[in-house]
Amino acid sequence: MQNTQIIDPNQVAAKIVSTMGELPASPAIVSTVMGLTSNMDTEVAQLGKVLSADQALSAKVLKLSNSSFYGRPKGVGTLKEAILILGFSTLRSLVVASSTHSLFKKKGESDIEQKLWEHSLATAMASRIVSEKIRHPQVEEAFIVGLMHDLGKLILSQKLSEQYEAVCTQVETENLTFLEVENEQLGFGHVEVGRLLLEKWNFPSTLTSAISNHHDPQNETQDAEFNELTASKIPIAFIINFCDQLAKHIDCGFDDRHIDNLTSLPLAQIAGFEQDDIDKLIENLNQAYQSEKHLFED
């Protein structure tokens, strides 16, 4: 009798992640900038010197500092001015955005990867808009989590291209969720893969946790505490859960199953969002995305 080897899906996910390299797009500069911007004693001149070593990144910093997305007047022409205008937190999210976009382009811009990038960027921009509206203290962290929340889908698309193309096709043709189809076809999902990769890259545990729980944000808190949450203190996973759906309402990403009534989501309930508020958020996001998406792309 022939022995049948049982394959553990978690081992498959871990093996996929083990083949990934370090954070792309000038990883040394990315690492250095993230370290410097985490230290409030860092001098602007020191940070400017590091940024100037990467011409493309320097250009993006200048372009973003003149952007209406940040409500800044045009006319900023030096890195020192740009750093002072943007602040360390915004610089950190810009560096991660630049690095992430390079990862999306790593294997060429397939239709799947382009949709993933557009949805990830729209979710990140929505996360900034919503965080500012509810006066959340971690606006830039929410932007970063929004940008990275579907990183596991990208890795699966690149490492299991034919299988994941079939997943995407079924998701769209049968109007299902990615989690349903991934677990049916692969035995694991993009959330597990994203978490393993971010742990490998030593991302802060709070951000990794928010990404892991963005489909079920109440995992970030105890049920008994849910009713006591205020909008400004809500875990980032709640923001991403809401903004993931908000991005779908401006048609960024795949035609998968989505939630029509966004007032039913936990963040909307805590923040007291009515339908008029959500309609305005959708309008603001669409305007911001259309006018500013080029800032985060090469």
C-alpha atoms as a PDB file:
ATOM      1  CA  MET A   1       0.000   0.000   0.000  1.00  0.00           C
ATOM      2  CA  GLN A   2       1.443   3.368  -1.057  1.00  0.00           C
ATOM      3  CA  ASN A   3       1.893   5.989   1.666  1.00  0.00           C
ATOM      4  CA  THR A   4       0.177   9.322   0.997  1.00  0.00           C
ATOM      5  CA  GLN A   5       2.047  12.286   2.376  1.00  0.00           C
ATOM      6  CA  ILE A   6      -0.213  14.905   3.948  1.00  0.00           C
ATOM      7  CA  ILE A   7       0.952  18.424   3.114  1.00  0.00           C
ATOM      8  CA  ASP A   8       0.437  21.037   5.806  1.00  0.00           C
ATOM      9  CA  PRO A   9      -0.910  24.250   4.161  1.00  0.00           C
ATOM     10  CA  ASN A  10       0.906  26.328   6.785  1.00  0.00           C
ATOM     11  CA  GLN A  11       4.203  24.762   5.732  1.00  0.00           C
ATOM     12  CA  VAL A  12       3.420  25.623   2.109  1.00  0.00           C
ATOM     13  CA  ALA A  13       2.758  29.260   3.043  1.00  0.00           C
ATOM     14  CA  ALA A  14       5.981  29.409   5.070  1.00  0.00           C
ATOM     15  CA  LYS A  15       7.961  27.906   2.194  1.00  0.00           C
ATOM     16  CA  ILE A  16       6.603  30.509  -0.215  1.00  0.00           C
ATOM     17  CA  VAL A  17       7.644  33.317   2.116  1.00  0.00           C
ATOM     18  CA  SER A  18      11.097  31.777   2.628  1.00  0.00           C
ATOM     19  CA  THR A  19      11.834  32.341  -1.074  1.00  0.00           C
ATOM     20  CA  MET A  20      11.231  36.090  -0.754  1.00  0.00           C
ATOM     21  CA  GLY A  21      14.161  38.447  -0.421  1.00  0.00           C
ATOM     22  CA  GLU A  22      14.488  41.572   1.661  1.00  0.00           C
ATOM     23  CA  LEU A  23      12.335  44.681   1.367  1.00  0.00           C
ATOM     24  CA  PRO A  24      12.966  45.943  -2.195  1.00  0.00           C
ATOM     25  CA  ALA A  25      13.798  49.380  -3.603  1.00  0.00           C
ATOM     26  CA  SER A  26      17.106  50.452  -2.081  1.00  0.00           C
ATOM     27  CA  PRO A  27      16.641  48.322   1.059  1.00  0.00           C
ATOM     28  CA  ALA A  28      19.599  49.902   2.837  1.00  0.00           C
ATOM     29  CA  ILE A  29      18.171  53.404   2.393  1.00  0.00           C
ATOM     30  CA  VAL A  30      14.654  52.247   3.287  1.00  0.00           C
ATOM     31  CA  SER A  31      15.932  50.664   6.494  1.00  0.00           C
ATOM     32  CA  THR A  32      18.037  53.714   7.380  1.00  0.00           C
ATOM     33  CA  VAL A  33      15.234  56.212   6.741  1.00  0.00           C
ATOM     34  CA  MET A  34      12.756  54.197   8.791  1.00  0.00           C
ATOM     35  CA  GLY A  35      15.244  54.077  11.648  1.00  0.00           C
ATOM     36  CA  LEU A  36      16.050  57.783  11.491  1.00  0.00           C
ATOM     37  CA  THR A  37      12.413  58.884  11.258  1.00  0.00           C
ATOM     38  CA  SER A  38      11.596  56.810  14.340  1.00  0.00           C
ATOM     39  CA  ASN A  39      14.079  58.884  16.366  1.00  0.00           C
ATOM     40  CA  MET A  40      12.804  62.401  17.054  1.00  0.00           C
ATOM     41  CA  ASP A  41      16.358  63.505  17.873  1.00  0.00           C
ATOM     42  CA  THR A  42      17.448  62.914  14.268  1.00  0.00           C
ATOM     43  CA  GLU A  43      18.645  66.080  12.552  1.00  0.00           C
ATOM     44  CA  VAL A  44      16.983  67.153   9.311  1.00  0.00           C
ATOM     45  CA  ALA A  45      20.379  67.534   7.644  1.00  0.00           C
ATOM     46  CA  GLN A  46      21.263  63.936   8.522  1.00  0.00           C
ATOM     47  CA  LEU A  47      18.019  62.631   7.022  1.00  0.00           C
ATOM     48  CA  GLY A  48      18.429  64.798   3.937  1.00  0.00           C
ATOM     49  CA  LYS A  49      21.911  63.380   3.358  1.00  0.00           C
ATOM     50  CA  VAL A  50      20.555  59.819   3.392  1.00  0.00           C
ATOM     51  CA  LEU A  51      17.664  60.669   1.069  1.00  0.00           C
ATOM     52  CA  SER A  52      19.921  62.465  -1.393  1.00  0.00           C
ATOM     53  CA  ALA A  53      21.772  59.187  -2.002  1.00  0.00           C
ATOM     54  CA  ASP A  54      18.679  57.937  -3.851  1.00  0.00           C
ATOM     55  CA  GLN A  55      17.801  60.313  -6.688  1.00  0.00           C
ATOM     56  CA  ALA A  56      14.402  58.748  -7.411  1.00  0.00           C
ATOM     57  CA  LEU A  57      13.378  58.845  -3.762  1.00  0.00           C
ATOM     58  CA  SER A  58      14.554  62.452  -3.411  1.00  0.00           C
ATOM     59  CA  ALA A  59      12.417  63.428  -6.412  1.00  0.00           C
ATOM     60  CA  LYS A  60       9.383  61.735  -4.878  1.00  0.00           C
ATOM     61  CA  VAL A  61       9.870  63.545  -1.582  1.00  0.00           C
ATOM     62  CA  LEU A  62       9.988  66.901  -3.360  1.00  0.00           C
ATOM     63  CA  LYS A  63       6.984  66.034  -5.536  1.00  0.00           C
ATOM     64  CA  LEU A  64       4.914  64.936  -2.559  1.00  0.00           C
ATOM     65  CA  SER A  65       5.820  68.012  -0.515  1.00  0.00           C
ATOM     66  CA  ASN A  66       4.298  70.142  -3.293  1.00  0.00           C
ATOM     67  CA  SER A  67       1.170  67.996  -3.441  1.00  0.00           C
ATOM     68  CA  SER A  68      -2.369  69.137  -2.776  1.00  0.00           C
ATOM     69  CA  PHE A  69      -2.870  65.734  -1.118  1.00  0.00           C
ATOM     70  CA  TYR A  70      -1.069  67.219   1.882  1.00  0.00           C
ATOM     71  CA  GLY A  71      -2.640  70.625   1.438  1.00  0.00           C
ATOM     72  CA  ARG A  72       0.713  72.299   0.857  1.00  0.00           C
ATOM     73  CA  PRO A  73       1.471  75.291  -1.388  1.00  0.00           C
ATOM     74  CA  LYS A  74       3.742  74.712  -4.349  1.00  0.00           C
ATOM     75  CA  GLY A  75       7.258  76.096  -4.369  1.00  0.00           C
ATOM     76  CA  VAL A  76       9.232  73.663  -2.175  1.00  0.00           C
ATOM     77  CA  GLY A  77      12.570  73.159  -3.877  1.00  0.00           C
ATOM     78  CA  THR A  78      14.968  71.630  -1.355  1.00  0.00           C
ATOM     79  CA  LEU A  79      15.005  68.367   0.602  1.00  0.00           C
ATOM     80  CA  LYS A  80      15.395  70.288   3.866  1.00  0.00           C
ATOM     81  CA  GLU A  81      12.197  72.244   3.181  1.00  0.00           C
ATOM     82  CA  ALA A  82      10.406  69.090   2.085  1.00  0.00           C
ATOM     83  CA  ILE A  83      11.378  67.193   5.233  1.00  0.00           C
ATOM     84  CA  LEU A  84      10.231  70.084   7.431  1.00  0.00           C
ATOM     85  CA  ILE A  85       6.907  70.292   5.591  1.00  0.00           C
ATOM     86  CA  LEU A  86       6.149  66.580   5.443  1.00  0.00           C
ATOM     87  CA  GLY A  87       7.460  65.553   8.841  1.00  0.00           C
ATOM     88  CA  PHE A  88       9.175  62.314   9.794  1.00  0.00           C
ATOM     89  CA  SER A  89       6.010  60.177   9.899  1.00  0.00           C
ATOM     90  CA  THR A  90       4.957  61.124   6.380  1.00  0.00           C
ATOM     91  CA  LEU A  91       8.470  60.526   5.079  1.00  0.00           C
ATOM     92  CA  ARG A  92       8.371  57.043   6.572  1.00  0.00           C
ATOM     93  CA  SER A  93       5.136  56.192   4.764  1.00  0.00           C
ATOM     94  CA  LEU A  94       6.457  57.649   1.496  1.00  0.00           C
ATOM     95  CA  VAL A  95       9.581  55.492   1.680  1.00  0.00           C
ATOM     96  CA  VAL A  96       7.498  52.381   2.331  1.00  0.00           C
ATOM     97  CA  ALA A  97       5.151  53.331  -0.519  1.00  0.00           C
ATOM     98  CA  SER A  98       8.069  53.687  -2.907  1.00  0.00           C
ATOM     99  CA  SER A  99       9.492  50.366  -1.803  1.00  0.00           C
ATOM    100  CA  THR A 100       6.139  48.610  -2.035  1.00  0.00           C
ATOM    101  CA  HIS A 101       5.464  49.877  -5.545  1.00  0.00           C
ATOM    102  CA  SER A 102       8.794  48.457  -6.653  1.00  0.00           C
ATOM    103  CA  LEU A 103       7.737  45.095  -5.267  1.00  0.00           C
ATOM    104  CA  PHE A 104       4.478  45.204  -7.229  1.00  0.00           C
ATOM    105  CA  LYS A 105       6.490  45.839 -10.390  1.00  0.00           C
ATOM    106  CA  LYS A 106       9.075  43.168  -9.647  1.00  0.00           C
ATOM    107  CA  LYS A 107       7.690  40.556 -12.018  1.00  0.00           C
ATOM    108  CA  GLY A 108       6.247  42.910 -14.573  1.00  0.00           C
ATOM    109  CA  GLU A 109       2.905  44.633 -14.463  1.00  0.00           C
ATOM    110  CA  SER A 110       0.405  41.836 -14.975  1.00  0.00           C
ATOM    111  CA  ASP A 111      -3.290  42.639 -14.842  1.00  0.00           C
ATOM    112  CA  ILE A 112      -3.501  41.024 -11.404  1.00  0.00           C
ATOM    113  CA  GLU A 113      -0.576  43.001 -10.001  1.00  0.00           C
ATOM    114  CA  GLN A 114      -1.896  46.257 -11.447  1.00  0.00           C
ATOM    115  CA  LYS A 115      -5.297  45.695  -9.827  1.00  0.00           C
ATOM    116  CA  LEU A 116      -3.623  44.839  -6.532  1.00  0.00           C
ATOM    117  CA  TRP A 117      -1.495  47.991  -6.632  1.00  0.00           C
ATOM    118  CA  GLU A 118      -4.461  50.227  -7.456  1.00  0.00           C
ATOM    119  CA  HIS A 119      -6.568  48.725  -4.678  1.00  0.00           C
ATOM    120  CA  SER A 120      -3.724  48.875  -2.136  1.00  0.00           C
ATOM    121  CA  LEU A 121      -2.966  52.511  -2.923  1.00  0.00           C
ATOM    122  CA  ALA A 122      -6.646  53.494  -2.820  1.00  0.00           C
ATOM    123  CA  THR A 123      -7.016  51.737   0.537  1.00  0.00           C
ATOM    124  CA  ALA A 124      -3.951  53.549   1.875  1.00  0.00           C
ATOM    125  CA  MET A 125      -5.219  56.934   0.700  1.00  0.00           C
ATOM    126  CA  ALA A 126      -8.649  56.173   2.181  1.00  0.00           C
ATOM    127  CA  SER A 127      -6.952  55.220   5.451  1.00  0.00           C
ATOM    128  CA  ARG A 128      -5.267  58.605   5.619  1.00  0.00           C
ATOM    129  CA  ILE A 129      -8.497  60.480   4.826  1.00  0.00           C
ATOM    130  CA  VAL A 130     -10.567  58.512   7.341  1.00  0.00           C
ATOM    131  CA  SER A 131      -7.870  58.661  10.053  1.00  0.00           C
ATOM    132  CA  GLU A 132      -7.709  62.434   9.729  1.00  0.00           C
ATOM    133  CA  LYS A 133     -11.504  62.707   9.831  1.00  0.00           C
ATOM    134  CA  ILE A 134     -11.776  60.751  13.084  1.00  0.00           C
ATOM    135  CA  ARG A 135      -8.638  62.451  14.474  1.00  0.00           C
ATOM    136  CA  HIS A 136      -6.761  59.224  14.911  1.00  0.00           C
ATOM    137  CA  PRO A 137      -3.238  59.674  16.332  1.00  0.00           C
ATOM    138  CA  GLN A 138      -1.635  57.193  13.888  1.00  0.00           C
ATOM    139  CA  VAL A 139      -2.461  58.618  10.471  1.00  0.00           C
ATOM    140  CA  GLU A 140       0.790  57.584   8.778  1.00  0.00           C
ATOM    141  CA  GLU A 141       0.748  54.140  10.357  1.00  0.00           C
ATOM    142  CA  ALA A 142      -2.770  53.637   8.970  1.00  0.00           C
ATOM    143  CA  PHE A 143      -1.515  54.694   5.529  1.00  0.00           C
ATOM    144  CA  ILE A 144       1.296  52.113   5.683  1.00  0.00           C
ATOM    145  CA  VAL A 145      -1.036  49.320   6.822  1.00  0.00           C
ATOM    146  CA  GLY A 146      -3.516  50.210   4.085  1.00  0.00           C
ATOM    147  CA  LEU A 147      -0.737  50.011   1.538  1.00  0.00           C
ATOM    148  CA  MET A 148       0.499  46.637   2.772  1.00  0.00           C
ATOM    149  CA  HIS A 149      -2.769  44.954   3.754  1.00  0.00           C
ATOM    150  CA  ASP A 150      -3.008  42.749   0.634  1.00  0.00           C
ATOM    151  CA  LEU A 151       0.706  42.060   0.240  1.00  0.00           C
ATOM    152  CA  GLY A 152       0.004  38.342   0.654  1.00  0.00           C
ATOM    153  CA  LYS A 153      -2.096  38.372  -2.536  1.00  0.00           C
ATOM    154  CA  LEU A 154       0.818  39.840  -4.456  1.00  0.00           C
ATOM    155  CA  ILE A 155       3.223  37.189  -3.186  1.00  0.00           C
ATOM    156  CA  LEU A 156       0.803  34.405  -4.109  1.00  0.00           C
ATOM    157  CA  SER A 157       0.354  35.931  -7.559  1.00  0.00           C
ATOM    158  CA  GLN A 158       4.106  35.998  -8.092  1.00  0.00           C
ATOM    159  CA  LYS A 159       4.974  32.620  -6.562  1.00  0.00           C
ATOM    160  CA  LEU A 160       1.911  30.566  -7.588  1.00  0.00           C
ATOM    161  CA  SER A 161       1.021  32.498 -10.728  1.00  0.00           C
ATOM    162  CA  GLU A 162      -1.181  29.945 -12.525  1.00  0.00           C
ATOM    163  CA  GLN A 163      -2.956  28.781  -9.379  1.00  0.00           C
ATOM    164  CA  TYR A 164      -3.566  32.307  -8.187  1.00  0.00           C
ATOM    165  CA  GLU A 165      -4.819  33.428 -11.575  1.00  0.00           C
ATOM    166  CA  ALA A 166      -7.445  30.686 -11.202  1.00  0.00           C
ATOM    167  CA  VAL A 167      -8.280  32.049  -7.743  1.00  0.00           C
ATOM    168  CA  CYS A 168      -8.764  35.560  -9.123  1.00  0.00           C
ATOM    169  CA  THR A 169     -10.910  34.283 -11.991  1.00  0.00           C
ATOM    170  CA  GLN A 170     -13.215  32.362  -9.665  1.00  0.00           C
ATOM    171  CA  VAL A 171     -13.462  35.320  -7.289  1.00  0.00           C
ATOM    172  CA  GLU A 172     -14.651  37.609 -10.066  1.00  0.00           C
ATOM    173  CA  THR A 173     -16.842  35.236 -12.083  1.00  0.00           C
ATOM    174  CA  GLU A 174     -18.663  33.835  -9.035  1.00  0.00           C
ATOM    175  CA  ASN A 175     -18.670  37.043  -6.965  1.00  0.00           C
ATOM    176  CA  LEU A 176     -16.916  35.392  -4.018  1.00  0.00           C
ATOM    177  CA  THR A 177     -14.389  36.662  -1.481  1.00  0.00           C
ATOM    178  CA  PHE A 178     -10.670  35.978  -1.789  1.00  0.00           C
ATOM    179  CA  LEU A 179     -10.592  34.267   1.600  1.00  0.00           C
ATOM    180  CA  GLU A 180     -13.265  31.776   0.505  1.00  0.00           C
ATOM    181  CA  VAL A 181     -11.565  30.830  -2.758  1.00  0.00           C
ATOM    182  CA  GLU A 182      -7.997  30.861  -1.413  1.00  0.00           C
ATOM    183  CA  ASN A 183      -8.843  28.455   1.375  1.00  0.00           C
ATOM    184  CA  GLU A 184     -10.803  26.236  -1.002  1.00  0.00           C
ATOM    185  CA  GLN A 185      -8.098  26.084  -3.685  1.00  0.00           C
ATOM    186  CA  LEU A 186      -4.886  26.525  -1.686  1.00  0.00           C
ATOM    187  CA  GLY A 187      -5.735  25.566   1.875  1.00  0.00           C
ATOM    188  CA  PHE A 188      -4.470  28.919   3.202  1.00  0.00           C
ATOM    189  CA  GLY A 189      -4.944  32.582   2.372  1.00  0.00           C
ATOM    190  CA  HIS A 190      -3.223  35.864   1.668  1.00  0.00           C
ATOM    191  CA  VAL A 191      -3.520  37.000   5.290  1.00  0.00           C
ATOM    192  CA  GLU A 192      -1.226  34.222   6.545  1.00  0.00           C
ATOM    193  CA  VAL A 193       1.306  34.851   3.773  1.00  0.00           C
ATOM    194  CA  GLY A 194       1.338  38.599   4.396  1.00  0.00           C
ATOM    195  CA  ARG A 195       1.814  38.121   8.124  1.00  0.00           C
ATOM    196  CA  LEU A 196       4.732  35.707   7.651  1.00  0.00           C
ATOM    197  CA  LEU A 197       6.451  38.050   5.203  1.00  0.00           C
ATOM    198  CA  LEU A 198       6.097  41.136   7.389  1.00  0.00           C
ATOM    199  CA  GLU A 199       7.407  39.196  10.374  1.00  0.00           C
ATOM    200  CA  LYS A 200      10.395  38.190   8.250  1.00  0.00           C
ATOM    201  CA  TRP A 201      10.945  41.867   7.396  1.00  0.00           C
ATOM    202  CA  ASN A 202      10.741  42.757  11.112  1.00  0.00           C
ATOM    203  CA  PHE A 203       7.821  45.141  10.681  1.00  0.00           C
ATOM    204  CA  PRO A 204       6.443  46.547  13.949  1.00  0.00           C
ATOM    205  CA  SER A 205       4.153  43.996  15.578  1.00  0.00           C
ATOM    206  CA  THR A 206       1.290  46.501  15.885  1.00  0.00           C
ATOM    207  CA  LEU A 207       1.267  47.052  12.099  1.00  0.00           C
ATOM    208  CA  THR A 208       1.618  43.349  11.351  1.00  0.00           C
ATOM    209  CA  SER A 209      -1.265  42.604  13.706  1.00  0.00           C
ATOM    210  CA  ALA A 210      -3.470  45.217  12.040  1.00  0.00           C
ATOM    211  CA  ILE A 211      -2.805  43.649   8.638  1.00  0.00           C
ATOM    212  CA  SER A 212      -3.474  40.145   9.980  1.00  0.00           C
ATOM    213  CA  ASN A 213      -6.818  41.204  11.434  1.00  0.00           C
ATOM    214  CA  HIS A 214      -8.166  43.624   8.845  1.00  0.00           C
ATOM    215  CA  HIS A 215     -10.880  41.149   7.773  1.00  0.00           C
ATOM    216  CA  ASP A 216     -11.939  40.586  11.389  1.00  0.00           C
ATOM    217  CA  PRO A 217     -10.839  43.706  13.274  1.00  0.00           C
ATOM    218  CA  GLN A 218     -12.539  42.813  16.533  1.00  0.00           C
ATOM    219  CA  ASN A 219      -9.716  40.318  17.047  1.00  0.00           C
ATOM    220  CA  GLU A 220      -7.693  43.427  17.947  1.00  0.00           C
ATOM    221  CA  THR A 221      -9.730  44.023  21.060  1.00  0.00           C
ATOM    222  CA  GLN A 222     -11.782  42.147  23.618  1.00  0.00           C
ATOM    223  CA  ASP A 223     -15.544  41.950  23.005  1.00  0.00           C
ATOM    224  CA  ALA A 224     -16.147  43.587  26.365  1.00  0.00           C
ATOM    225  CA  GLU A 225     -14.076  46.581  25.274  1.00  0.00           C
ATOM    226  CA  PHE A 226     -15.686  47.077  21.855  1.00  0.00           C
ATOM    227  CA  ASN A 227     -18.522  49.294  23.075  1.00  0.00           C
ATOM    228  CA  GLU A 228     -16.032  51.441  24.978  1.00  0.00           C
ATOM    229  CA  LEU A 229     -13.911  52.288  21.935  1.00  0.00           C
ATOM    230  CA  THR A 230     -13.786  55.870  20.689  1.00  0.00           C
ATOM    231  CA  ALA A 231     -12.955  56.764  17.095  1.00  0.00           C
ATOM    232  CA  SER A 232      -9.620  58.353  18.003  1.00  0.00           C
ATOM    233  CA  LYS A 233      -8.469  55.259  19.923  1.00  0.00           C
ATOM    234  CA  ILE A 234      -9.757  52.550  17.617  1.00  0.00           C
ATOM    235  CA  PRO A 235      -7.195  49.919  16.500  1.00  0.00           C
ATOM    236  CA  ILE A 236      -5.885  50.428  12.965  1.00  0.00           C
ATOM    237  CA  ALA A 237      -7.398  47.115  11.827  1.00  0.00           C
ATOM    238  CA  PHE A 238     -10.864  48.722  12.092  1.00  0.00           C
ATOM    239  CA  ILE A 239      -9.767  51.560   9.802  1.00  0.00           C
ATOM    240  CA  ILE A 240      -8.341  49.176   7.188  1.00  0.00           C
ATOM    241  CA  ASN A 241     -11.434  46.956   7.352  1.00  0.00           C
ATOM    242  CA  PHE A 242     -13.545  50.017   6.489  1.00  0.00           C
ATOM    243  CA  CYS A 243     -11.174  51.543   3.934  1.00  0.00           C
ATOM    244  CA  ASP A 244     -10.670  48.229   2.116  1.00  0.00           C
ATOM    245  CA  GLN A 245     -14.387  48.390   1.307  1.00  0.00           C
ATOM    246  CA  LEU A 246     -14.271  52.134   0.634  1.00  0.00           C
ATOM    247  CA  ALA A 247     -11.654  51.544  -2.087  1.00  0.00           C
ATOM    248  CA  LYS A 248     -13.954  49.008  -3.756  1.00  0.00           C
ATOM    249  CA  HIS A 249     -16.628  51.706  -3.996  1.00  0.00           C
ATOM    250  CA  ILE A 250     -14.405  53.740  -6.335  1.00  0.00           C
ATOM    251  CA  ASP A 251     -13.794  50.597  -8.430  1.00  0.00           C
ATOM    252  CA  CYS A 252     -10.154  50.133  -7.427  1.00  0.00           C
ATOM    253  CA  GLY A 253      -9.224  46.480  -7.518  1.00  0.00           C
ATOM    254  CA  PHE A 254     -11.060  43.275  -8.315  1.00  0.00           C
ATOM    255  CA  ASP A 255     -14.763  42.761  -8.917  1.00  0.00           C
ATOM    256  CA  ASP A 256     -15.114  40.529  -5.869  1.00  0.00           C
ATOM    257  CA  ARG A 257     -17.896  40.433  -3.318  1.00  0.00           C
ATOM    258  CA  HIS A 258     -18.064  43.629  -1.356  1.00  0.00           C
ATOM    259  CA  ILE A 259     -20.232  45.258   1.268  1.00  0.00           C
ATOM    260  CA  ASP A 260     -22.783  47.735  -0.092  1.00  0.00           C
ATOM    261  CA  ASN A 261     -23.882  49.177   3.245  1.00  0.00           C
ATOM    262  CA  LEU A 262     -20.715  50.598   4.775  1.00  0.00           C
ATOM    263  CA  THR A 263     -22.630  51.978   7.750  1.00  0.00           C
ATOM    264  CA  SER A 264     -22.820  48.380   8.993  1.00  0.00           C
ATOM    265  CA  LEU A 265     -19.043  48.120   9.437  1.00  0.00           C
ATOM    266  CA  PRO A 266     -17.600  48.395  12.972  1.00  0.00           C
ATOM    267  CA  LEU A 267     -15.643  51.608  12.293  1.00  0.00           C
ATOM    268  CA  ALA A 268     -18.716  53.368  10.903  1.00  0.00           C
ATOM    269  CA  GLN A 269     -20.705  52.377  13.987  1.00  0.00           C
ATOM    270  CA  ILE A 270     -18.031  53.605  16.402  1.00  0.00           C
ATOM    271  CA  ALA A 271     -17.414  56.849  14.484  1.00  0.00           C
ATOM    272  CA  GLY A 272     -21.150  57.440  13.982  1.00  0.00           C
ATOM    273  CA  PHE A 273     -20.898  57.632  10.201  1.00  0.00           C
ATOM    274  CA  GLU A 274     -24.220  58.100   8.408  1.00  0.00           C
ATOM    275  CA  GLN A 275     -24.705  57.384   4.708  1.00  0.00           C
ATOM    276  CA  ASP A 276     -24.158  61.060   3.865  1.00  0.00           C
ATOM    277  CA  ASP A 277     -20.774  60.922   5.612  1.00  0.00           C
ATOM    278  CA  ILE A 278     -19.796  57.826   3.646  1.00  0.00           C
ATOM    279  CA  ASP A 279     -20.930  59.339   0.350  1.00  0.00           C
ATOM    280  CA  LYS A 280     -18.676  62.330   1.073  1.00  0.00           C
ATOM    281  CA  LEU A 281     -15.749  60.046   1.962  1.00  0.00           C
ATOM    282  CA  ILE A 282     -16.183  58.166  -1.322  1.00  0.00           C
ATOM    283  CA  GLU A 283     -16.232  61.459  -3.234  1.00  0.00           C
ATOM    284  CA  ASN A 284     -13.124  62.753  -1.443  1.00  0.00           C
ATOM    285  CA  LEU A 285     -11.274  59.484  -1.974  1.00  0.00           C
ATOM    286  CA  ASN A 286     -12.075  59.371  -5.663  1.00  0.00           C
ATOM    287  CA  GLN A 287     -10.841  62.942  -6.141  1.00  0.00           C
ATOM    288  CA  ALA A 288      -7.661  62.324  -4.151  1.00  0.00           C
ATOM    289  CA  TYR A 289      -6.922  59.044  -5.896  1.00  0.00           C
ATOM    290  CA  GLN A 290      -7.380  60.418  -9.403  1.00  0.00           C
ATOM    291  CA  SER A 291      -5.285  63.517  -8.787  1.00  0.00           C
ATOM    292  CA  GLU A 292      -2.533  62.110  -6.573  1.00  0.00           C
ATOM    293  CA  LYS A 293      -1.929  58.451  -7.500  1.00  0.00           C
ATOM    294  CA  HIS A 294       0.995  59.409  -9.752  1.00  0.00           C
ATOM    295  CA  LEU A 295       2.894  60.689  -6.713  1.00  0.00           C
ATOM    296  CA  PHE A 296       3.377  57.169  -5.418  1.00  0.00           C
ATOM    297  CA  GLU A 297       4.356  55.587  -8.724  1.00  0.00           C
ATOM    298  CA  ASP A 298       7.553  55.666 -10.722  1.00  0.00           C
END
